[in-house]
């Protein structure tokens, strides 16, 4: 069976990763795990690099590799092929959009993304952000159909999930899914933890049907899952935020926070797609009324609640 396009991309990235490590190499199982591949699939792919050679275009002219008895892989490029290939802005943007779809670990994607982002001018980086917002890339995931079916029928699933403590089987009742930056996130009630949990699609390694024997507890709907992501991530959710400056102090505060090139509307209004997380809430509160939230309503409510909490804390402290 031929590997799918997404898997083939991961295979080539895995080979490049091994080549980057040079003589040090990397254990085959570790490399396969890093890119979400089966060890046998990766081994077969390496063999295919040899088998597909012909007289006119031999992969051996481009790349060579060794796998020792300890299963440590070392990949070598032919002289000159490891030199940096100049990329224009359009090419770098296209590659970064492609990274969104690969489901790599956050650390690996951040590393690759930073290298590509360094090639972009400020204008190109702004264009990349706009493209990402418009695309709202839907993650490709091997178990998406099973997850969607479980959500529709209200049935349970048993998943092999990798957390900080290692891989464990979890029994869950999924409640919502959200695509964010090319990654699939799953909200569910976890019977092992007896609590609502947020699961990342790239850490899910096996999935099977599970018959519910007890009722699930309350868990996140799609809106709640998006809000939870906003609290946990440092990225940009596709959310339109509108702020209004109540005075001149508000204008320079906004320019200091968002940068001097902000685009102003009538009446001191600024509109942008951003991340309505706690950091933005705290900053608006620190503006002490000079910056007011026009939308979304949920952000305005959180600012009000935070301002009231700060006021209570200050009044209590002065009374003491």
Protein backbone atom coordinates (compact mmCIF):
# COMPACT_ATOMS: atom_id res chain seq x y z
CA UNK A 1 0.00 0.00 0.00
CA UNK A 2 1.38 3.41 -0.99
CA UNK A 3 1.73 5.95 1.84
CA UNK A 4 -0.74 8.83 1.78
CA UNK A 5 0.42 12.33 0.89
CA UNK A 6 0.56 13.51 4.52
CA UNK A 7 2.50 10.41 5.59
CA UNK A 8 4.90 10.79 2.65
CA UNK A 9 5.59 14.40 3.69
CA UNK A 10 6.33 13.24 7.22
CA UNK A 11 8.69 10.57 5.88
CA UNK A 12 10.72 13.10 3.92
CA UNK A 13 10.79 15.45 6.91
CA UNK A 14 12.00 12.59 9.09
CA UNK A 15 14.87 11.88 6.68
CA UNK A 16 15.78 15.59 6.69
CA UNK A 17 15.72 15.59 10.48
CA UNK A 18 18.17 12.67 10.57
CA UNK A 19 20.38 14.43 8.02
CA UNK A 20 20.45 17.57 10.19
CA UNK A 21 21.90 15.49 13.04
CA UNK A 22 24.80 14.42 10.84
CA UNK A 23 27.23 11.88 12.28
CA UNK A 24 25.40 11.84 15.62
CA UNK A 25 22.37 10.19 14.03
CA UNK A 26 19.16 9.24 15.81
CA UNK A 27 17.57 6.00 16.99
CA UNK A 28 15.07 4.81 14.38
CA UNK A 29 12.22 4.33 16.86
CA UNK A 30 12.76 7.79 18.32
CA UNK A 31 12.68 9.37 14.88
CA UNK A 32 9.51 7.49 13.94
CA UNK A 33 7.82 8.60 17.17
CA UNK A 34 8.80 12.24 16.65
CA UNK A 35 7.02 12.36 13.29
CA UNK A 36 4.08 10.08 14.17
CA UNK A 37 5.26 7.23 11.92
CA UNK A 38 5.46 3.48 12.29
CA UNK A 39 9.01 2.14 12.61
CA UNK A 40 8.41 -0.42 9.86
CA UNK A 41 6.95 2.24 7.56
CA UNK A 42 10.04 4.41 8.03
CA UNK A 43 12.32 1.42 7.47
CA UNK A 44 10.49 0.53 4.24
CA UNK A 45 10.73 4.12 3.04
CA UNK A 46 14.50 4.14 3.52
CA UNK A 47 14.76 0.91 1.57
CA UNK A 48 12.62 2.43 -1.18
CA UNK A 49 15.17 5.21 -1.64
CA UNK A 50 17.55 2.51 -2.83
CA UNK A 51 15.05 0.42 -4.77
CA UNK A 52 13.74 3.28 -6.94
CA UNK A 53 17.18 4.13 -8.34
CA UNK A 54 17.71 4.10 -12.11
CA UNK A 55 20.47 5.16 -14.45
CA UNK A 56 19.16 8.63 -15.09
CA UNK A 57 18.16 9.72 -11.58
CA UNK A 58 19.48 7.67 -8.70
CA UNK A 59 18.56 8.64 -5.14
CA UNK A 60 22.03 7.40 -4.21
CA UNK A 61 23.38 10.45 -6.01
CA UNK A 62 21.41 12.65 -3.65
CA UNK A 63 21.36 10.84 -0.35
CA UNK A 64 22.91 7.92 1.49
CA UNK A 65 22.11 6.41 4.86
CA UNK A 66 23.29 3.78 7.32
CA UNK A 67 21.45 1.88 10.03
CA UNK A 68 23.74 0.16 12.54
CA UNK A 69 23.01 -2.83 14.76
CA UNK A 70 21.71 -0.50 17.49
CA UNK A 71 19.06 0.79 15.06
CA UNK A 72 20.73 4.21 14.91
CA UNK A 73 20.10 5.99 11.64
CA UNK A 74 22.61 8.33 9.99
CA UNK A 75 21.73 10.18 6.79
CA UNK A 76 24.27 11.83 4.49
CA UNK A 77 23.69 14.21 1.59
CA UNK A 78 25.96 14.27 -1.41
CA UNK A 79 28.54 17.10 -1.32
CA UNK A 80 26.91 20.43 -1.95
CA UNK A 81 23.35 19.25 -1.41
CA UNK A 82 23.33 20.26 2.24
CA UNK A 83 23.88 23.90 1.32
CA UNK A 84 21.04 26.25 2.20
CA UNK A 85 18.58 26.74 -0.65
CA UNK A 86 17.55 30.38 -1.02
CA UNK A 87 13.80 30.81 -0.48
CA UNK A 88 11.68 33.77 -1.41
CA UNK A 89 8.85 35.06 0.73
CA UNK A 90 6.17 33.22 -1.24
CA UNK A 91 7.98 29.90 -0.91
CA UNK A 92 8.52 30.36 2.84
CA UNK A 93 4.85 31.27 3.35
CA UNK A 94 3.74 28.20 1.39
CA UNK A 95 5.99 25.98 3.51
CA UNK A 96 4.65 27.47 6.77
CA UNK A 97 1.06 26.89 5.68
CA UNK A 98 2.09 23.32 4.88
CA UNK A 99 3.54 22.90 8.38
CA UNK A 100 0.11 23.75 9.81
CA UNK A 101 -1.27 20.59 8.22
CA UNK A 102 1.37 18.11 9.35
CA UNK A 103 0.31 17.64 12.99
CA UNK A 104 3.91 17.84 14.24
CA UNK A 105 4.69 18.23 17.91
CA UNK A 106 4.37 21.85 19.02
CA UNK A 107 8.11 22.03 19.77
CA UNK A 108 9.12 20.71 16.34
CA UNK A 109 6.62 22.90 14.49
CA UNK A 110 7.76 25.98 16.44
CA UNK A 111 11.41 25.24 15.56
CA UNK A 112 10.73 24.78 11.83
CA UNK A 113 8.32 27.73 11.79
CA UNK A 114 10.85 30.04 13.42
CA UNK A 115 13.45 29.20 10.78
CA UNK A 116 10.99 30.01 7.99
CA UNK A 117 9.60 33.10 9.71
CA UNK A 118 13.12 34.54 9.95
CA UNK A 119 13.14 34.69 6.14
CA UNK A 120 10.05 36.91 5.93
CA UNK A 121 9.84 40.67 5.89
CA UNK A 122 7.31 42.40 8.15
CA UNK A 123 4.89 42.76 5.23
CA UNK A 124 5.24 39.09 4.29
CA UNK A 125 4.71 38.01 7.91
CA UNK A 126 1.51 40.09 8.04
CA UNK A 127 0.33 38.45 4.80
CA UNK A 128 1.03 35.00 6.28
CA UNK A 129 -1.12 35.82 9.32
CA UNK A 130 -3.95 36.96 7.05
CA UNK A 131 -3.78 33.77 4.99
CA UNK A 132 -3.88 31.61 8.11
CA UNK A 133 -6.95 33.45 9.39
CA UNK A 134 -8.79 33.02 6.09
CA UNK A 135 -7.91 29.37 5.68
CA UNK A 136 -8.79 28.19 9.21
CA UNK A 137 -6.86 25.06 8.22
CA UNK A 138 -8.73 21.85 9.03
CA UNK A 139 -6.35 19.27 10.43
CA UNK A 140 -6.08 15.96 8.61
CA UNK A 141 -6.50 13.23 11.20
CA UNK A 142 -6.77 9.50 10.69
CA UNK A 143 -9.56 9.10 13.25
CA UNK A 144 -11.61 12.18 12.40
CA UNK A 145 -14.50 10.13 11.00
CA UNK A 146 -14.63 7.96 14.15
CA UNK A 147 -14.56 11.06 16.37
CA UNK A 148 -17.30 12.74 14.34
CA UNK A 149 -19.42 9.56 14.50
CA UNK A 150 -18.99 9.31 18.29
CA UNK A 151 -20.01 12.96 18.70
CA UNK A 152 -23.08 12.49 16.53
CA UNK A 153 -24.23 9.32 18.30
CA UNK A 154 -23.14 10.31 21.82
CA UNK A 155 -21.10 7.11 22.16
CA UNK A 156 -17.83 6.50 23.97
CA UNK A 157 -14.28 5.85 22.79
CA UNK A 158 -11.22 4.18 24.21
CA UNK A 159 -8.00 5.98 23.24
CA UNK A 160 -4.29 5.39 23.73
CA UNK A 161 -3.11 8.86 24.66
CA UNK A 162 0.34 10.23 25.45
CA UNK A 163 0.56 12.76 28.27
CA UNK A 164 3.51 13.95 30.34
CA UNK A 165 3.34 10.71 32.34
CA UNK A 166 3.52 8.48 29.22
CA UNK A 167 1.03 6.58 27.08
CA UNK A 168 -2.11 5.35 28.80
CA UNK A 169 -5.50 4.06 27.73
CA UNK A 170 -8.33 6.47 28.49
CA UNK A 171 -12.08 5.94 28.28
CA UNK A 172 -13.74 9.10 27.06
CA UNK A 173 -17.08 10.53 25.97
CA UNK A 174 -16.18 13.18 23.34
CA UNK A 175 -18.18 16.38 23.48
CA UNK A 176 -16.61 18.67 20.85
CA UNK A 177 -13.73 19.07 18.40
CA UNK A 178 -11.98 22.24 17.26
CA UNK A 179 -9.36 22.82 14.55
CA UNK A 180 -6.73 25.32 15.56
CA UNK A 181 -3.55 26.11 13.58
CA UNK A 182 -3.71 22.81 11.71
CA UNK A 183 -4.12 20.77 14.88
CA UNK A 184 -7.20 18.84 16.03
CA UNK A 185 -8.30 19.30 19.65
CA UNK A 186 -10.88 17.11 21.36
CA UNK A 187 -12.99 18.04 24.35
CA UNK A 188 -14.27 15.05 26.32
CA UNK A 189 -15.27 13.64 29.69
CA UNK A 190 -12.49 11.33 30.88
CA UNK A 191 -13.70 8.39 32.98
CA UNK A 192 -10.18 7.69 34.28
CA UNK A 193 -9.81 11.25 35.63
CA UNK A 194 -13.52 11.72 36.35
CA UNK A 195 -13.22 15.23 34.91
CA UNK A 196 -13.52 17.11 31.60
CA UNK A 197 -10.30 17.04 29.61
CA UNK A 198 -8.75 18.56 26.50
CA UNK A 199 -6.90 16.11 24.20
CA UNK A 200 -4.54 16.91 21.30
CA UNK A 201 -4.97 14.91 18.12
CA UNK A 202 -1.22 14.40 17.57
CA UNK A 203 -0.93 12.62 20.93
CA UNK A 204 -3.63 10.08 20.12
CA UNK A 205 -2.04 6.82 18.95
CA UNK A 206 -4.91 4.32 18.95
CA UNK A 207 -8.68 4.56 19.05
CA UNK A 208 -11.48 2.03 19.41
CA UNK A 209 -15.18 2.04 20.19
CA UNK A 210 -16.22 1.85 23.84
CA UNK A 211 -19.69 1.09 25.18
CA UNK A 212 -20.63 3.54 27.91
CA UNK A 213 -21.58 1.79 31.15
CA UNK A 214 -22.02 4.96 33.19
CA UNK A 215 -23.19 8.48 32.38
CA UNK A 216 -20.54 11.01 31.40
CA UNK A 217 -20.10 14.18 33.41
CA UNK A 218 -20.35 17.73 32.03
CA UNK A 219 -17.73 18.58 29.42
CA UNK A 220 -16.82 21.34 26.98
CA UNK A 221 -19.02 22.22 24.03
CA UNK A 222 -17.37 23.77 20.97
CA UNK A 223 -17.54 27.31 22.30
CA UNK A 224 -16.16 26.22 25.66
CA UNK A 225 -13.38 24.28 23.93
CA UNK A 226 -12.38 27.35 21.92
CA UNK A 227 -12.35 29.43 25.09
CA UNK A 228 -10.15 26.85 26.82
CA UNK A 229 -7.75 26.92 23.88
CA UNK A 230 -7.61 30.70 24.13
CA UNK A 231 -6.54 30.37 27.75
CA UNK A 232 -3.90 27.70 27.08
CA UNK A 233 -2.26 28.79 23.82
CA UNK A 234 -0.13 31.74 22.83
CA UNK A 235 -1.27 31.71 19.21
CA UNK A 236 -3.93 33.66 17.38
CA UNK A 237 -7.51 32.40 17.38
CA UNK A 238 -9.60 33.63 14.48
CA UNK A 239 -11.54 36.13 16.58
CA UNK A 240 -12.33 39.69 15.62
CA UNK A 241 -11.60 42.11 18.46
CA UNK A 242 -12.80 45.72 18.40
CA UNK A 243 -11.45 48.25 20.90
CA UNK A 244 -12.28 51.91 21.32
CA UNK A 245 -10.04 54.60 22.80
CA UNK A 246 -11.94 56.75 25.27
CA UNK A 247 -9.21 59.46 25.36
CA UNK A 248 -5.77 60.37 24.02
CA UNK A 249 -4.08 58.19 26.63
CA UNK A 250 -5.90 55.21 25.14
CA UNK A 251 -4.48 55.92 21.69
CA UNK A 252 -0.83 55.83 22.75
CA UNK A 253 -1.54 52.82 24.99
CA UNK A 254 -2.90 50.89 21.99
CA UNK A 255 0.05 51.93 19.80
CA UNK A 256 2.46 50.87 22.53
CA UNK A 257 0.73 47.48 22.94
CA UNK A 258 -0.06 46.62 19.30
CA UNK A 259 2.67 48.59 17.55
CA UNK A 260 2.78 52.02 15.93
CA UNK A 261 1.37 50.83 12.56
CA UNK A 262 -2.14 50.09 13.80
CA UNK A 263 -4.98 51.12 11.52
CA UNK A 264 -7.50 53.40 13.15
CA UNK A 265 -11.17 53.66 12.31
CA UNK A 266 -13.55 56.50 13.05
CA UNK A 267 -13.99 57.53 16.66
CA UNK A 268 -10.70 56.04 17.86
CA UNK A 269 -11.76 52.46 17.02
CA UNK A 270 -9.23 49.71 16.26
CA UNK A 271 -10.29 46.35 14.82
CA UNK A 272 -8.02 43.30 14.50
CA UNK A 273 -8.01 39.51 14.59
CA UNK A 274 -6.35 38.48 17.81
CA UNK A 275 -6.08 36.33 20.85
CA UNK A 276 -8.68 37.14 23.52
CA UNK A 277 -6.68 35.56 26.32
CA UNK A 278 -5.92 36.60 29.88
CA UNK A 279 -2.93 38.73 28.87
CA UNK A 280 -5.19 40.97 26.74
CA UNK A 281 -7.75 41.11 29.56
CA UNK A 282 -5.10 42.21 32.06
CA UNK A 283 -3.73 44.86 29.69
CA UNK A 284 -7.18 46.38 29.05
CA UNK A 285 -7.82 46.52 32.80
CA UNK A 286 -4.46 48.26 33.28
CA UNK A 287 -5.61 50.99 30.87
CA UNK A 288 -8.08 52.11 33.59
CA UNK A 289 -10.91 53.04 31.24
CA UNK A 290 -8.84 54.60 28.45
CA UNK A 291 -9.38 51.49 26.28
CA UNK A 292 -12.88 49.98 26.07
CA UNK A 293 -13.98 46.67 24.54
CA UNK A 294 -16.62 46.98 21.82
CA UNK A 295 -16.60 43.27 20.91
CA UNK A 296 -16.65 40.34 21.42
CA UNK A 297 -19.07 40.46 24.37
CA UNK A 298 -17.26 37.60 26.13
CA UNK A 299 -14.04 39.62 26.23
CA UNK A 300 -15.90 42.65 27.61
CA UNK A 301 -17.41 40.46 30.35
CA UNK A 302 -14.02 39.04 31.32
CA UNK A 303 -12.54 42.56 31.50
CA UNK A 304 -15.41 43.66 33.77
CA UNK A 305 -14.96 40.66 36.05
CA UNK A 306 -11.19 41.16 36.23
CA UNK A 307 -11.56 44.88 36.96
CA UNK A 308 -14.02 44.13 39.78
CA UNK A 309 -11.62 41.56 41.26
CA UNK A 310 -8.75 44.05 41.16
CA UNK A 311 -10.90 46.73 42.80
CA UNK A 312 -11.95 44.36 45.60
CA UNK A 313 -8.31 43.40 46.18
CA UNK A 314 -7.19 47.04 46.34
CA UNK A 315 -10.01 48.14 48.63
CA UNK A 316 -9.40 45.19 50.93
CA UNK A 317 -5.70 46.00 51.05
CA UNK A 318 -6.30 49.69 51.91
CA UNK A 319 -8.76 48.71 54.66
CA UNK A 320 -6.08 46.51 56.17
